[in-house]
C-alpha atoms as a PDB file:
ATOM      1  CA  MET A   1    -240.704  40.131 -21.318  1.00  0.00           C
ATOM      2  CA  THR A   2    -243.862  42.120 -21.882  1.00  0.00           C
ATOM      3  CA  VAL A   3    -244.145  45.874 -21.938  1.00  0.00           C
ATOM      4  CA  GLY A   4    -245.908  45.862 -18.591  1.00  0.00           C
ATOM      5  CA  ALA A   5    -243.375  43.671 -16.804  1.00  0.00           C
ATOM      6  CA  THR A   6    -242.026  45.043 -13.553  1.00  0.00           C
ATOM      7  CA  SER A   7    -238.357  45.668 -12.996  1.00  0.00           C
ATOM      8  CA  ALA A   8    -238.373  42.993 -10.284  1.00  0.00           C
ATOM      9  CA  SER A   9    -239.369  40.356 -12.830  1.00  0.00           C
ATOM     10  CA  ARG A  10    -236.548  41.240 -15.230  1.00  0.00           C
ATOM     11  CA  GLN A  11    -233.226  39.523 -15.205  1.00  0.00           C
ATOM     12  CA  THR A  12    -230.508  42.012 -14.402  1.00  0.00           C
ATOM     13  CA  GLN A  13    -227.898  41.728 -17.107  1.00  0.00           C
ATOM     14  CA  GLY A  14    -226.999  45.359 -17.630  1.00  0.00           C
ATOM     15  CA  VAL A  15    -226.663  47.201 -20.877  1.00  0.00           C
ATOM     16  CA  CYS A  16    -224.063  45.959 -23.336  1.00  0.00           C
ATOM     17  CA  PRO A  17    -221.163  48.446 -23.167  1.00  0.00           C
ATOM     18  CA  ASP A  18    -220.678  48.302 -26.949  1.00  0.00           C
ATOM     19  CA  PHE A  19    -224.357  49.096 -27.535  1.00  0.00           C
ATOM     20  CA  HIS A  20    -224.185  51.908 -24.989  1.00  0.00           C
ATOM     21  CA  ALA A  21    -221.122  53.439 -26.680  1.00  0.00           C
ATOM     22  CA  ALA A  22    -222.818  53.240 -30.104  1.00  0.00           C
ATOM     23  CA  ILE A  23    -226.002  54.884 -28.822  1.00  0.00           C
ATOM     24  CA  GLU A  24    -224.006  57.619 -27.085  1.00  0.00           C
ATOM     25  CA  LEU A  25    -222.159  58.353 -30.332  1.00  0.00           C
ATOM     26  CA  VAL A  26    -225.065  58.399 -32.800  1.00  0.00           C
ATOM     27  CA  GLY A  27    -227.507  59.746 -30.235  1.00  0.00           C
ATOM     28  CA  LYS A  28    -225.684  63.029 -29.729  1.00  0.00           C
ATOM     29  CA  ARG A  29    -227.595  66.038 -30.942  1.00  0.00           C
ATOM     30  CA  TRP A  30    -227.180  66.507 -34.722  1.00  0.00           C
ATOM     31  CA  THR A  31    -225.025  63.404 -35.198  1.00  0.00           C
ATOM     32  CA  GLY A  32    -227.802  61.295 -36.716  1.00  0.00           C
ATOM     33  CA  ALA A  33    -228.676  64.099 -39.119  1.00  0.00           C
ATOM     34  CA  ILE A  34    -225.033  64.459 -40.180  1.00  0.00           C
ATOM     35  CA  VAL A  35    -224.662  60.709 -40.765  1.00  0.00           C
ATOM     36  CA  SER A  36    -227.955  60.688 -42.658  1.00  0.00           C
ATOM     37  CA  ALA A  37    -226.850  63.573 -44.900  1.00  0.00           C
ATOM     38  CA  LEU A  38    -223.523  61.874 -45.626  1.00  0.00           C
ATOM     39  CA  SER A  39    -225.278  58.619 -46.497  1.00  0.00           C
ATOM     40  CA  GLU A  40    -226.180  60.279 -49.817  1.00  0.00           C
ATOM     41  CA  GLY A  41    -222.487  60.768 -50.634  1.00  0.00           C
ATOM     42  CA  PRO A  42    -219.541  63.046 -49.823  1.00  0.00           C
ATOM     43  CA  LEU A  43    -220.301  66.660 -48.935  1.00  0.00           C
ATOM     44  CA  ARG A  44    -218.230  69.734 -48.309  1.00  0.00           C
ATOM     45  CA  PHE A  45    -218.562  71.572 -45.005  1.00  0.00           C
ATOM     46  CA  GLY A  46    -220.893  74.255 -46.385  1.00  0.00           C
ATOM     47  CA  GLU A  47    -223.055  71.658 -48.109  1.00  0.00           C
ATOM     48  CA  LEU A  48    -223.373  69.739 -44.857  1.00  0.00           C
ATOM     49  CA  GLY A  49    -224.399  72.920 -43.069  1.00  0.00           C
ATOM     50  CA  LYS A  50    -227.178  73.451 -45.616  1.00  0.00           C
ATOM     51  CA  ALA A  51    -228.241  69.786 -45.440  1.00  0.00           C
ATOM     52  CA  VAL A  52    -228.720  70.068 -41.662  1.00  0.00           C
ATOM     53  CA  PRO A  53    -230.509  73.403 -41.089  1.00  0.00           C
ATOM     54  CA  GLY A  54    -230.168  74.920 -37.647  1.00  0.00           C
ATOM     55  CA  LEU A  55    -226.743  73.397 -36.976  1.00  0.00           C
ATOM     56  CA  SER A  56    -224.066  75.970 -36.173  1.00  0.00           C
ATOM     57  CA  ASP A  57    -220.682  75.788 -37.901  1.00  0.00           C
ATOM     58  CA  ARG A  58    -218.961  75.366 -34.537  1.00  0.00           C
ATOM     59  CA  LEU A  59    -221.097  72.390 -33.557  1.00  0.00           C
ATOM     60  CA  LEU A  60    -220.867  70.861 -37.043  1.00  0.00           C
ATOM     61  CA  SER A  61    -217.086  71.066 -36.829  1.00  0.00           C
ATOM     62  CA  GLN A  62    -217.118  69.468 -33.356  1.00  0.00           C
ATOM     63  CA  ARG A  63    -219.424  66.619 -34.405  1.00  0.00           C
ATOM     64  CA  LEU A  64    -217.394  65.936 -37.541  1.00  0.00           C
ATOM     65  CA  ARG A  65    -214.214  65.672 -35.425  1.00  0.00           C
ATOM     66  CA  GLU A  66    -215.964  63.257 -33.044  1.00  0.00           C
ATOM     67  CA  LEU A  67    -217.238  61.137 -35.928  1.00  0.00           C
ATOM     68  CA  GLU A  68    -213.795  61.189 -37.527  1.00  0.00           C
ATOM     69  CA  ASP A  69    -212.176  60.109 -34.241  1.00  0.00           C
ATOM     70  CA  ALA A  70    -214.705  57.262 -34.002  1.00  0.00           C
ATOM     71  CA  GLY A  71    -213.873  56.119 -37.536  1.00  0.00           C
ATOM     72  CA  VAL A  72    -217.378  56.865 -38.867  1.00  0.00           C
ATOM     73  CA  VAL A  73    -216.473  59.836 -41.078  1.00  0.00           C
ATOM     74  CA  GLU A  74    -213.370  60.580 -43.090  1.00  0.00           C
ATOM     75  CA  ARG A  75    -212.109  63.979 -44.135  1.00  0.00           C
ATOM     76  CA  GLU A  76    -210.465  64.439 -47.514  1.00  0.00           C
ATOM     77  CA  VAL A  77    -208.418  67.532 -48.274  1.00  0.00           C
ATOM     78  CA  GLU A  78    -207.922  68.412 -51.935  1.00  0.00           C
ATOM     79  CA  PRO A  79    -204.932  70.713 -52.354  1.00  0.00           C
ATOM     80  CA  GLY A  80    -205.256  73.832 -54.410  1.00  0.00           C
ATOM     81  CA  ALA A  81    -206.416  77.366 -54.035  1.00  0.00           C
ATOM     82  CA  PRO A  82    -208.752  77.375 -52.270  1.00  0.00           C
ATOM     83  CA  VAL A  83    -208.280  74.100 -50.422  1.00  0.00           C
ATOM     84  CA  LYS A  84    -211.352  71.883 -50.771  1.00  0.00           C
ATOM     85  CA  VAL A  85    -212.367  69.671 -47.859  1.00  0.00           C
ATOM     86  CA  SER A  86    -215.030  67.020 -48.190  1.00  0.00           C
ATOM     87  CA  TYR A  87    -216.478  64.574 -45.703  1.00  0.00           C
ATOM     88  CA  SER A  88    -217.783  61.087 -46.354  1.00  0.00           C
ATOM     89  CA  LEU A  89    -218.778  58.009 -44.439  1.00  0.00           C
ATOM     90  CA  THR A  90    -216.174  55.334 -43.923  1.00  0.00           C
ATOM     91  CA  GLU A  91    -217.082  51.675 -44.347  1.00  0.00           C
ATOM     92  CA  LYS A  92    -217.895  51.684 -40.631  1.00  0.00           C
ATOM     93  CA  GLY A  93    -220.139  54.735 -41.071  1.00  0.00           C
ATOM     94  CA  ALA A  94    -221.863  53.337 -44.150  1.00  0.00           C
ATOM     95  CA  ASP A  95    -222.562  50.189 -42.166  1.00  0.00           C
ATOM     96  CA  LEU A  96    -224.925  52.295 -40.035  1.00  0.00           C
ATOM     97  CA  GLY A  97    -227.206  52.612 -43.085  1.00  0.00           C
ATOM     98  CA  PRO A  98    -229.640  49.785 -42.259  1.00  0.00           C
ATOM     99  CA  ALA A  99    -229.932  50.903 -38.627  1.00  0.00           C
ATOM    100  CA  MET A 100    -230.534  54.510 -39.690  1.00  0.00           C
ATOM    101  CA  ALA A 101    -233.162  53.394 -42.227  1.00  0.00           C
ATOM    102  CA  GLU A 102    -234.975  51.387 -39.542  1.00  0.00           C
ATOM    103  CA  LEU A 103    -234.862  54.311 -37.127  1.00  0.00           C
ATOM    104  CA  ARG A 104    -236.183  56.632 -39.861  1.00  0.00           C
ATOM    105  CA  ALA A 105    -239.058  54.210 -40.575  1.00  0.00           C
ATOM    106  CA  TRP A 106    -239.807  53.881 -36.857  1.00  0.00           C
ATOM    107  CA  ALA A 107    -239.878  57.679 -36.484  1.00  0.00           C
ATOM    108  CA  ARG A 108    -242.287  58.063 -39.406  1.00  0.00           C
ATOM    109  CA  ARG A 109    -244.572  55.334 -38.080  1.00  0.00           C
ATOM    110  CA  TRP A 110    -244.764  56.754 -34.581  1.00  0.00           C
ATOM    111  CA  LYS A 111    -244.954  60.393 -35.628  1.00  0.00           C
ATOM    112  CA  ARG A 112    -248.234  59.583 -37.383  1.00  0.00           C
ATOM    113  CA  THR A 113    -249.677  57.628 -34.462  1.00  0.00           C
ATOM    114  CA  GLY A 114    -248.439  59.854 -31.654  1.00  0.00           C
END
């Protein structure tokens, strides 16, 4: 199919539900930036906040819970005083690396060309 093809000439197959779920997860505001920051290695909550400027603590906490529920991020609690909590990508989250790298390259290419 070419870019200029009309919707009438397309075969109607619908969007893959798995693809749609993945895009909805990583496409949420700030989620891509969080995953990108964690791709460098585990970070504590405060470090993540600094790595993603403009993200409120409340929203960071919410996104981390969502990513944890989806199996993309894991939370590790180190006992002691004070308790230390770090976040890292799971194998599933790390597997997003190539897709994130391609999206980053695409963004750089098209930012330059408009």
